[in-house]
Protein backbone atom coordinates (compact mmCIF):
# COMPACT_ATOMS: atom_id res chain seq x y z
CA MET A 1 -3.61 -27.70 9.13
CA SER A 2 -0.76 -30.19 8.78
CA ALA A 3 2.84 -29.05 9.13
CA PRO A 4 4.47 -27.90 5.86
CA GLN A 5 6.86 -30.33 4.19
CA PRO A 6 10.56 -29.53 4.77
CA GLY A 7 12.22 -27.68 1.90
CA THR A 8 9.01 -26.04 0.71
CA ALA A 9 8.17 -22.36 0.65
CA GLN A 10 5.54 -22.95 3.33
CA SER A 11 8.16 -24.45 5.63
CA GLU A 12 10.47 -21.43 5.56
CA VAL A 13 8.21 -18.42 4.93
CA LEU A 14 7.60 -17.81 8.64
CA GLU A 15 11.28 -17.67 9.55
CA ILE A 16 12.10 -15.48 6.56
CA CYS A 17 9.36 -13.06 7.63
CA ARG A 18 10.51 -13.10 11.26
CA ASP A 19 14.10 -12.37 10.23
CA LEU A 20 12.97 -9.45 8.08
CA ILE A 21 10.82 -7.97 10.85
CA ARG A 22 13.76 -8.19 13.27
CA ILE A 23 15.78 -5.96 10.96
CA ASP A 24 14.52 -2.50 11.95
CA THR A 25 13.92 -0.51 8.76
CA SER A 26 11.79 2.25 10.28
CA ASN A 27 11.26 5.12 7.86
CA PHE A 28 10.76 8.50 9.55
CA GLY A 29 10.31 10.34 6.27
CA ASP A 30 13.92 11.52 6.10
CA ASP A 31 17.33 9.89 6.40
CA THR A 32 17.40 9.74 10.21
CA GLY A 33 16.26 6.13 10.44
CA PRO A 34 18.34 2.96 10.18
CA GLY A 35 17.75 2.67 6.44
CA GLU A 36 17.22 -0.50 4.46
CA ARG A 37 20.80 -1.59 3.78
CA ALA A 38 20.86 -4.44 6.33
CA ALA A 39 17.55 -5.81 5.04
CA ALA A 40 18.71 -5.47 1.43
CA GLU A 41 21.87 -7.44 2.19
CA HIS A 42 19.78 -10.12 3.89
CA VAL A 43 17.48 -10.41 0.85
CA ALA A 44 20.43 -10.53 -1.51
CA ALA A 45 21.99 -13.32 0.59
CA LEU A 46 18.77 -15.37 0.51
CA LEU A 47 18.72 -15.09 -3.27
CA ALA A 48 22.43 -15.82 -3.63
CA GLU A 49 22.04 -18.95 -1.51
CA VAL A 50 19.97 -20.52 -4.32
CA GLY A 51 22.09 -19.14 -7.13
CA ILE A 52 20.23 -15.94 -8.02
CA GLU A 53 22.43 -12.89 -8.53
CA SER A 54 21.14 -9.50 -7.48
CA GLU A 55 22.22 -5.88 -7.33
CA ILE A 56 21.94 -3.64 -4.29
CA ILE A 57 21.29 -0.08 -5.39
CA GLU A 58 21.54 2.87 -3.01
CA ALA A 59 19.76 6.12 -3.75
CA ALA A 60 21.57 7.59 -0.73
CA PRO A 61 23.85 6.05 1.90
CA GLY A 62 21.92 3.24 3.57
CA ARG A 63 18.79 3.68 1.45
CA ALA A 64 19.10 0.43 -0.44
CA SER A 65 16.91 -1.49 -2.88
CA VAL A 66 17.51 -4.98 -4.31
CA VAL A 67 17.03 -5.87 -7.98
CA ALA A 68 17.30 -9.38 -9.42
CA ARG A 69 16.51 -10.99 -12.77
CA TRP A 70 14.86 -14.40 -12.68
CA GLY A 71 12.78 -16.62 -14.94
CA ASN A 72 13.48 -17.31 -18.59
CA GLN A 73 15.25 -14.15 -19.70
CA ASP A 74 15.39 -15.44 -23.29
CA SER A 75 11.63 -15.77 -23.57
CA PRO A 76 9.92 -13.49 -26.10
CA ARG A 77 7.14 -12.93 -23.59
CA PRO A 78 6.93 -9.53 -21.85
CA GLY A 79 8.49 -9.27 -18.43
CA LEU A 80 6.65 -9.48 -15.11
CA LEU A 81 7.76 -7.30 -12.21
CA ILE A 82 7.20 -8.68 -8.69
CA HIS A 83 7.88 -5.99 -6.13
CA GLY A 84 7.82 -5.33 -2.41
CA HIS A 85 9.30 -2.69 -0.12
CA LEU A 86 11.73 -3.21 2.75
CA ASP A 87 10.98 -0.13 4.88
CA VAL A 88 8.28 0.12 7.53
CA VAL A 89 6.61 2.97 9.38
CA PRO A 90 7.89 3.59 12.93
CA ALA A 91 6.34 1.83 15.92
CA GLN A 92 6.03 2.93 19.56
CA ALA A 93 6.88 -0.19 21.57
CA ALA A 94 4.95 1.01 24.64
CA ASP A 95 1.69 0.83 22.67
CA TRP A 96 2.13 -2.82 21.64
CA GLN A 97 1.35 -6.09 23.40
CA VAL A 98 4.77 -7.35 22.29
CA ASP A 99 8.01 -5.81 21.05
CA PRO A 100 7.20 -4.66 17.48
CA PHE A 101 10.60 -5.83 16.24
CA ALA A 102 10.80 -9.15 18.12
CA ALA A 103 8.64 -11.01 15.57
CA GLU A 104 6.86 -13.11 18.20
CA VAL A 105 4.26 -15.70 17.27
CA VAL A 106 1.22 -15.53 19.58
CA ASP A 107 -1.93 -17.64 19.15
CA GLY A 108 -1.14 -18.41 15.53
CA TYR A 109 -0.33 -14.82 14.57
CA LEU A 110 3.07 -13.34 13.72
CA PHE A 111 3.29 -9.93 15.41
CA GLY A 112 5.62 -7.19 14.26
CA ARG A 113 6.01 -3.95 12.40
CA GLY A 114 5.87 -4.93 8.75
CA ALA A 115 3.95 -8.17 9.33
CA VAL A 116 1.22 -6.78 7.08
CA ASP A 117 2.96 -3.83 5.40
CA MET A 118 4.77 -5.55 3.84
CA LYS A 119 7.44 -7.95 4.97
CA ASP A 120 4.82 -10.69 4.78
CA PHE A 121 4.72 -10.50 1.00
CA ASP A 122 8.49 -9.99 0.80
CA ALA A 123 8.84 -13.29 2.68
CA ILE A 124 6.24 -15.05 0.53
CA VAL A 125 8.04 -14.00 -2.65
CA LEU A 126 11.45 -15.01 -1.32
CA ALA A 127 10.21 -18.37 -0.04
CA VAL A 128 8.47 -19.24 -3.32
CA VAL A 129 11.35 -18.08 -5.51
CA ARG A 130 13.84 -20.05 -3.41
CA GLU A 131 11.78 -23.25 -3.55
CA ARG A 132 11.23 -23.01 -7.31
CA GLN A 133 14.88 -22.17 -7.95
CA ARG A 134 16.08 -25.16 -5.94
CA ALA A 135 13.69 -27.43 -7.83
CA GLY A 136 14.54 -25.97 -11.24
CA ARG A 137 10.96 -24.75 -11.70
CA ILE A 138 11.84 -21.50 -13.43
CA PRO A 139 8.92 -19.50 -14.88
CA ASP A 140 8.85 -19.41 -18.67
CA ARG A 141 8.85 -15.63 -18.87
CA PRO A 142 11.27 -12.93 -17.73
CA ILE A 143 10.76 -12.00 -14.07
CA THR A 144 12.23 -8.96 -12.35
CA LEU A 145 12.28 -8.97 -8.54
CA ILE A 146 12.58 -5.59 -6.84
CA PHE A 147 12.60 -4.96 -3.09
CA THR A 148 12.58 -1.19 -2.63
CA SER A 149 13.57 1.33 -0.03
CA ASP A 150 11.57 4.37 1.07
CA GLU A 151 8.08 3.34 -0.08
CA GLU A 152 6.62 4.65 3.18
CA ALA A 153 7.82 8.16 2.30
CA GLY A 154 6.68 8.17 -1.30
CA GLY A 155 9.59 6.27 -2.84
CA VAL A 156 11.77 9.35 -3.33
CA ARG A 157 14.79 7.25 -2.39
CA GLY A 158 13.27 4.04 -3.69
CA ALA A 159 10.93 3.28 -6.59
CA GLN A 160 10.70 6.86 -7.81
CA TRP A 161 14.49 7.14 -7.76
CA LEU A 162 14.88 3.86 -9.65
CA ALA A 163 12.31 4.91 -12.25
CA ARG A 164 14.22 8.15 -12.89
CA HIS A 165 17.85 7.14 -12.46
CA ARG A 166 17.92 3.39 -13.17
CA PRO A 167 15.19 2.77 -15.73
CA ASP A 168 17.28 -0.14 -17.03
CA VAL A 169 16.08 -2.28 -14.10
CA LEU A 170 12.52 -2.03 -15.47
CA GLU A 171 13.46 -2.83 -19.05
CA GLY A 172 11.13 -5.35 -20.66
CA CYS A 173 8.53 -5.28 -17.87
CA THR A 174 4.95 -4.59 -18.89
CA GLU A 175 3.02 -5.93 -15.88
CA ALA A 176 3.56 -6.04 -12.13
CA ILE A 177 2.15 -7.43 -8.90
CA GLY A 178 2.78 -5.99 -5.46
CA GLU A 179 1.19 -5.08 -2.16
CA VAL A 180 -2.31 -4.39 -0.83
CA GLY A 181 -4.49 -6.84 -2.69
CA GLY A 182 -5.32 -10.51 -2.85
CA PHE A 183 -6.46 -10.61 0.78
CA SER A 184 -9.82 -12.03 1.76
CA THR A 185 -12.78 -10.49 3.51
CA GLU A 186 -16.27 -11.86 4.09
CA VAL A 187 -19.42 -10.61 2.38
CA GLY A 188 -22.77 -12.33 2.65
CA GLY A 189 -21.14 -15.22 4.49
CA GLN A 190 -18.77 -15.94 1.60
CA ARG A 191 -15.06 -15.27 1.17
CA LEU A 192 -14.23 -12.48 -1.25
CA TYR A 193 -10.66 -11.80 -2.37
CA LEU A 194 -9.94 -8.19 -3.29
CA ILE A 195 -7.43 -7.43 -6.03
CA GLU A 196 -6.20 -3.85 -6.19
CA THR A 197 -6.70 -2.45 -9.68
CA GLY A 198 -6.35 1.22 -8.82
CA GLU A 199 -5.02 3.78 -6.38
CA LYS A 200 -6.19 7.23 -5.48
CA GLY A 201 -3.96 10.13 -6.37
CA ILE A 202 -1.98 11.98 -3.72
CA SER A 203 -2.58 15.70 -3.25
CA TRP A 204 -0.98 16.82 0.00
CA MET A 205 -1.77 20.49 0.37
CA ARG A 206 -0.53 23.55 2.25
CA LEU A 207 -3.34 25.86 3.40
CA THR A 208 -2.30 29.40 4.33
CA ALA A 209 -4.42 32.06 5.99
CA LYS A 210 -3.21 35.65 6.23
CA GLY A 211 -4.40 38.11 8.82
CA THR A 212 -3.44 41.20 10.78
CA ALA A 213 -0.82 40.67 13.47
CA GLY A 214 -1.41 42.37 16.79
CA HIS A 215 -1.78 42.25 20.56
CA GLY A 216 -3.69 39.27 21.91
CA SER A 217 -5.76 41.44 24.25
CA MET A 218 -7.37 43.56 21.52
CA LYS A 219 -10.19 42.96 19.07
CA ALA A 220 -8.94 41.01 16.09
CA PRO A 221 -11.55 40.65 13.34
CA ASP A 222 -8.80 39.68 10.88
CA ASN A 223 -7.28 36.77 12.81
CA ALA A 224 -5.39 34.31 10.61
CA ILE A 225 -5.94 31.42 13.01
CA VAL A 226 -9.70 32.00 13.01
CA HIS A 227 -9.76 32.15 9.21
CA LEU A 228 -7.80 28.90 8.99
CA SER A 229 -9.92 27.21 11.65
CA ARG A 230 -13.14 28.01 9.82
CA ALA A 231 -11.64 26.66 6.60
CA LEU A 232 -10.57 23.41 8.26
CA VAL A 233 -13.97 22.90 9.86
CA ALA A 234 -15.62 23.48 6.49
CA LEU A 235 -13.25 20.99 4.89
CA GLY A 236 -13.73 18.45 7.68
CA GLU A 237 -17.51 18.67 7.42
CA HIS A 238 -17.62 18.65 3.63
CA ALA A 239 -19.42 15.60 2.25
CA TRP A 240 -17.47 14.57 -0.82
CA PRO A 241 -19.89 12.83 -3.18
CA ALA A 242 -19.57 9.13 -3.93
CA GLU A 243 -18.33 8.72 -7.50
CA PRO A 244 -17.27 5.09 -7.91
CA GLY A 245 -15.28 4.27 -11.04
CA PRO A 246 -15.18 1.01 -13.00
CA SER A 247 -13.31 -1.01 -10.35
CA MET A 248 -15.58 -0.07 -7.49
CA GLN A 249 -18.68 -0.51 -9.64
CA ALA A 250 -17.50 -4.05 -10.38
CA LEU A 251 -16.97 -4.61 -6.65
CA PHE A 252 -20.51 -3.40 -5.92
CA ASP A 253 -21.90 -5.73 -8.58
CA LYS A 254 -20.21 -8.59 -6.72
CA VAL A 255 -21.66 -7.41 -3.39
CA ARG A 256 -25.18 -7.41 -4.85
CA GLU A 257 -24.55 -10.90 -6.22
CA LEU A 258 -23.39 -12.25 -2.86
CA THR A 259 -25.94 -10.55 -0.64
CA GLY A 260 -29.05 -9.99 -2.73
CA GLU A 261 -28.80 -6.29 -1.90
CA THR A 262 -31.04 -4.23 -4.15
CA SER A 263 -29.75 -0.78 -3.24
CA THR A 264 -27.43 1.03 -5.63
CA ASP A 265 -26.25 3.47 -2.95
CA PRO A 266 -22.47 2.96 -2.48
CA ASP A 267 -22.69 3.46 1.26
CA ASP A 268 -25.39 0.80 1.61
CA LEU A 269 -23.23 -1.63 -0.36
CA LEU A 270 -20.07 -0.77 1.57
CA ALA A 271 -21.84 -1.56 4.84
CA HIS A 272 -21.60 -5.25 3.95
CA PHE A 273 -17.83 -5.10 4.44
CA GLY A 274 -17.88 -4.35 8.16
CA SER A 275 -14.56 -2.98 9.40
CA ALA A 276 -13.01 -3.17 5.89
CA VAL A 277 -15.17 -0.17 5.00
CA ARG A 278 -12.34 1.91 6.49
CA MET A 279 -10.24 1.29 3.39
CA LEU A 280 -12.85 0.41 0.80
CA GLY A 281 -15.10 3.35 1.64
CA ALA A 282 -12.31 5.73 0.72
CA GLY A 283 -12.20 4.25 -2.78
CA VAL A 284 -15.46 5.85 -3.91
CA ARG A 285 -14.92 9.51 -3.01
CA ASN A 286 -12.25 12.15 -2.71
CA SER A 287 -10.98 12.79 0.81
CA THR A 288 -9.30 15.56 2.81
CA ASN A 289 -7.85 15.13 6.29
CA PRO A 290 -5.98 17.93 8.10
CA THR A 291 -2.82 16.48 9.62
CA MET A 292 -0.57 19.35 10.80
CA LEU A 293 -0.93 22.93 12.07
CA GLN A 294 1.58 25.77 12.35
CA ALA A 295 0.68 29.14 13.83
CA GLY A 296 1.86 31.69 16.36
CA TYR A 297 4.98 32.17 18.43
CA LYS A 298 3.80 33.78 21.70
CA HIS A 299 0.70 33.54 23.87
CA ASN A 300 -0.25 37.22 23.64
CA VAL A 301 0.69 37.85 20.01
CA ILE A 302 -1.83 37.37 17.22
CA PRO A 303 0.16 35.95 14.28
CA GLY A 304 -0.15 37.35 10.78
CA GLU A 305 -0.18 33.88 9.24
CA ALA A 306 -1.48 30.42 10.03
CA VAL A 307 -0.69 27.27 8.08
CA ALA A 308 -2.23 23.82 7.92
CA PHE A 309 -1.23 20.72 5.99
CA VAL A 310 -3.95 18.51 4.58
CA ASP A 311 -3.70 14.96 3.27
CA GLY A 312 -5.83 15.00 0.14
CA ARG A 313 -6.56 11.91 -1.97
CA TYR A 314 -8.43 12.12 -5.24
CA LEU A 315 -10.13 9.48 -7.36
CA PRO A 316 -8.80 8.45 -10.77
CA GLY A 317 -9.96 11.04 -13.28
CA HIS A 318 -10.15 13.87 -10.74
CA ALA A 319 -6.61 15.25 -11.03
CA GLU A 320 -7.62 18.54 -12.63
CA THR A 321 -10.72 19.26 -10.56
CA PHE A 322 -9.61 18.31 -7.04
CA LEU A 323 -7.59 21.36 -5.94
CA PRO A 324 -10.13 23.88 -7.31
CA ALA A 325 -12.85 22.00 -5.44
CA VAL A 326 -10.87 22.20 -2.18
CA GLN A 327 -10.31 25.93 -2.72
CA GLU A 328 -14.03 26.46 -3.18
CA VAL A 329 -14.79 24.62 0.06
CA VAL A 330 -12.32 26.57 2.23
CA GLY A 331 -13.21 29.99 0.81
CA ALA A 332 -11.31 33.04 -0.34
CA LYS A 333 -9.51 33.83 2.92
CA VAL A 334 -7.34 30.71 2.71
CA LEU A 335 -4.90 29.90 -0.07
CA VAL A 336 -4.68 26.25 -1.15
CA GLU A 337 -1.36 25.19 -2.66
CA PRO A 338 -0.04 21.78 -3.72
CA HIS A 339 2.68 20.47 -1.42
CA ILE A 340 3.32 16.87 -2.57
CA SER A 341 1.44 15.28 -5.47
CA ASP A 342 1.35 11.94 -7.25
CA ILE A 343 -0.83 10.33 -9.86
CA ALA A 344 -3.97 8.22 -9.53
CA LEU A 345 -4.12 4.82 -11.22
CA GLU A 346 -6.83 2.49 -12.47
CA TYR A 347 -6.37 -0.56 -14.67
CA PRO A 348 -8.94 -2.93 -16.21
CA PHE A 349 -9.96 -5.97 -14.20
CA ALA A 350 -9.35 -8.16 -17.23
CA GLY A 351 -6.61 -9.88 -19.19
CA ASP A 352 -4.27 -12.83 -18.78
CA LEU A 353 -2.65 -11.57 -15.57
CA VAL A 354 -6.01 -11.03 -13.85
CA ASP A 355 -7.13 -14.46 -15.08
CA ALA A 356 -3.98 -16.04 -13.60
CA MET A 357 -4.58 -14.40 -10.22
CA THR A 358 -8.22 -15.51 -10.21
CA VAL A 359 -7.43 -19.11 -11.18
CA ALA A 360 -4.67 -19.37 -8.54
CA ILE A 361 -7.06 -18.18 -5.82
CA HIS A 362 -9.85 -20.51 -6.90
CA LYS A 363 -7.47 -23.47 -7.03
CA ASN A 364 -6.60 -22.94 -3.35
CA ASP A 365 -9.98 -21.72 -2.13
CA PRO A 366 -12.72 -23.30 -4.27
CA GLY A 367 -15.96 -21.43 -4.07
CA ALA A 368 -14.30 -18.16 -3.15
CA HIS A 369 -15.06 -14.97 -5.09
CA VAL A 370 -12.73 -12.36 -6.57
CA ALA A 371 -13.35 -8.67 -7.28
CA PRO A 372 -11.36 -5.47 -7.87
CA PHE A 373 -11.08 -2.38 -5.71
CA VAL A 374 -9.44 1.05 -5.64
CA MET A 375 -7.08 1.58 -2.73
CA SER A 376 -7.18 4.69 -0.58
CA GLY A 377 -3.39 5.00 -0.33
CA GLY A 378 -0.50 4.68 -2.74
CA THR A 379 2.23 2.17 -3.54
CA ASP A 380 5.35 1.89 -5.67
CA ALA A 381 3.01 1.11 -8.59
CA LYS A 382 2.83 4.87 -9.20
CA ALA A 383 6.52 4.88 -10.11
CA TRP A 384 6.24 1.81 -12.33
CA ASP A 385 3.31 3.39 -14.19
CA THR A 386 5.62 6.11 -15.50
CA HIS A 387 7.30 3.35 -17.53
CA GLY A 388 4.04 1.94 -18.86
CA ILE A 389 3.87 -0.95 -16.41
CA THR A 390 0.36 -2.10 -15.47
CA SER A 391 0.37 -2.96 -11.76
CA TYR A 392 -2.01 -4.92 -9.57
CA GLY A 393 -2.10 -5.42 -5.82
CA PHE A 394 -1.84 -9.17 -5.32
CA ALA A 395 -0.31 -10.33 -2.04
CA PRO A 396 -2.65 -13.28 -1.38
CA LEU A 397 -3.75 -13.97 2.19
CA ARG A 398 -6.72 -16.04 3.43
CA LEU A 399 -7.84 -14.27 6.60
CA PRO A 400 -10.26 -15.00 9.45
CA ALA A 401 -13.60 -13.29 8.95
CA ASP A 402 -13.36 -11.54 12.32
CA LEU A 403 -9.89 -10.03 11.76
CA ASP A 404 -9.98 -6.23 11.32
CA PHE A 405 -7.24 -6.49 8.71
CA THR A 406 -7.29 -2.98 7.26
CA ALA A 407 -6.75 -1.50 10.73
CA LEU A 408 -3.40 -3.32 10.93
CA PHE A 409 -1.77 -1.26 8.18
CA HIS A 410 0.47 1.12 10.16
CA GLY A 411 -1.50 0.06 13.26
CA VAL A 412 -0.65 -1.08 16.76
CA ASP A 413 -0.17 -4.85 17.18
CA GLU A 414 0.28 -5.34 13.42
CA ARG A 415 0.07 -9.08 12.79
CA VAL A 416 -0.58 -11.73 10.18
CA PRO A 417 -1.87 -15.30 10.62
CA VAL A 418 0.91 -17.82 10.12
CA ASP A 419 -1.36 -20.03 8.02
CA ALA A 420 -2.12 -17.01 5.81
CA LEU A 421 1.59 -16.77 4.98
CA GLU A 422 1.57 -20.45 4.01
CA PHE A 423 -1.58 -19.96 1.94
CA GLY A 424 0.03 -17.01 0.17
CA CYS A 425 3.01 -19.16 -0.80
CA GLN A 426 0.79 -21.77 -2.43
CA VAL A 427 -1.26 -19.19 -4.34
CA LEU A 428 1.80 -17.32 -5.57
CA ASP A 429 3.43 -20.60 -6.64
CA ASP A 430 0.34 -21.58 -8.65
CA PHE A 431 0.10 -18.08 -10.09
CA LEU A 432 3.66 -18.35 -11.42
CA ASP A 433 2.73 -21.60 -13.16
CA ILE A 434 -0.04 -19.76 -15.03
CA ALA A 435 1.07 -16.15 -15.48
């Protein structure tokens, strides 16, 4: 690939991404981390440099988001929200090949915490907006740019806070694009770009088992830890049925088209995705993964209570049935209670915005295919949905077929191909010409 022309988005996207990665915005789930203020100021300065005014909004000291209006604000067309988040999950440097905050380029890959989730797309957006602004190529519709804090902890001090306390920043927006979509995988020897059209709901649960406290040396038929352990084993071994919704059914139709597969079994069809099945396989069934345990206070004392926390994710349409189903699996000796909950989303894979994404991909990768999917996790789109904004995951990246991309989200040695950043700039630029 030839070197990008100076002054273009492709020529500066790498350095913008490296600078963002070098600003540590680790989110530990509370306010003990460095926060996002330094990154927010950096983003605001990059926008100001090309004449775009922005507002830095703090939900708490240091927990900063950036909001900017761009595009033709006088257009009668509905507004488009383009969003990314500035925080990242923590990284243990000892586990990495390179310093996770040094933003080193090795063998054509940019390494660093946030390289995939999601300072790559932040950089792509900033690079494209800056190039278009300098050239006077302003989109003929209102655009709102939002770079949020706290997405990695549910957006309590980020998108959720903005949606509740600053709804004015979302005024006029009806559609949005953001993270976790638009990346390529390979199916049947052909490139397939996956656009996120839905997200599973969040149902983090507290499981409590009661028992009879006593001496550790005596018989204990009513042991809370045993009750809880049996419940967790039952939950871990439970085979949640595959119940693909419209998005995943459309994805499976595309798999059959590309491979000639005749099976209608979701697991047979998912097998064609190789390592990407880690994420995509979770989009067809509910899931429950125990993540934390709390029980006991002394070696020879049987506690009267044992507690576990379970990360539950439910499919769109399963909000009312999920918790009762979990309770039935674990049995009567364990109480299942909601701990943290958020909605599931699913939008049609149709309309002008979807058409614009598809055309922009095809223009830059002729012969490629495009299909929707439901993501296993959640994004800031859940907050935007409360204001009637239809959101899609569209952070375009053309990736090597042998890259285990989904493992890089929150993973060790998180990295993105440099040429994928440049590709993303071109696709986003073309998308803005159409959308």
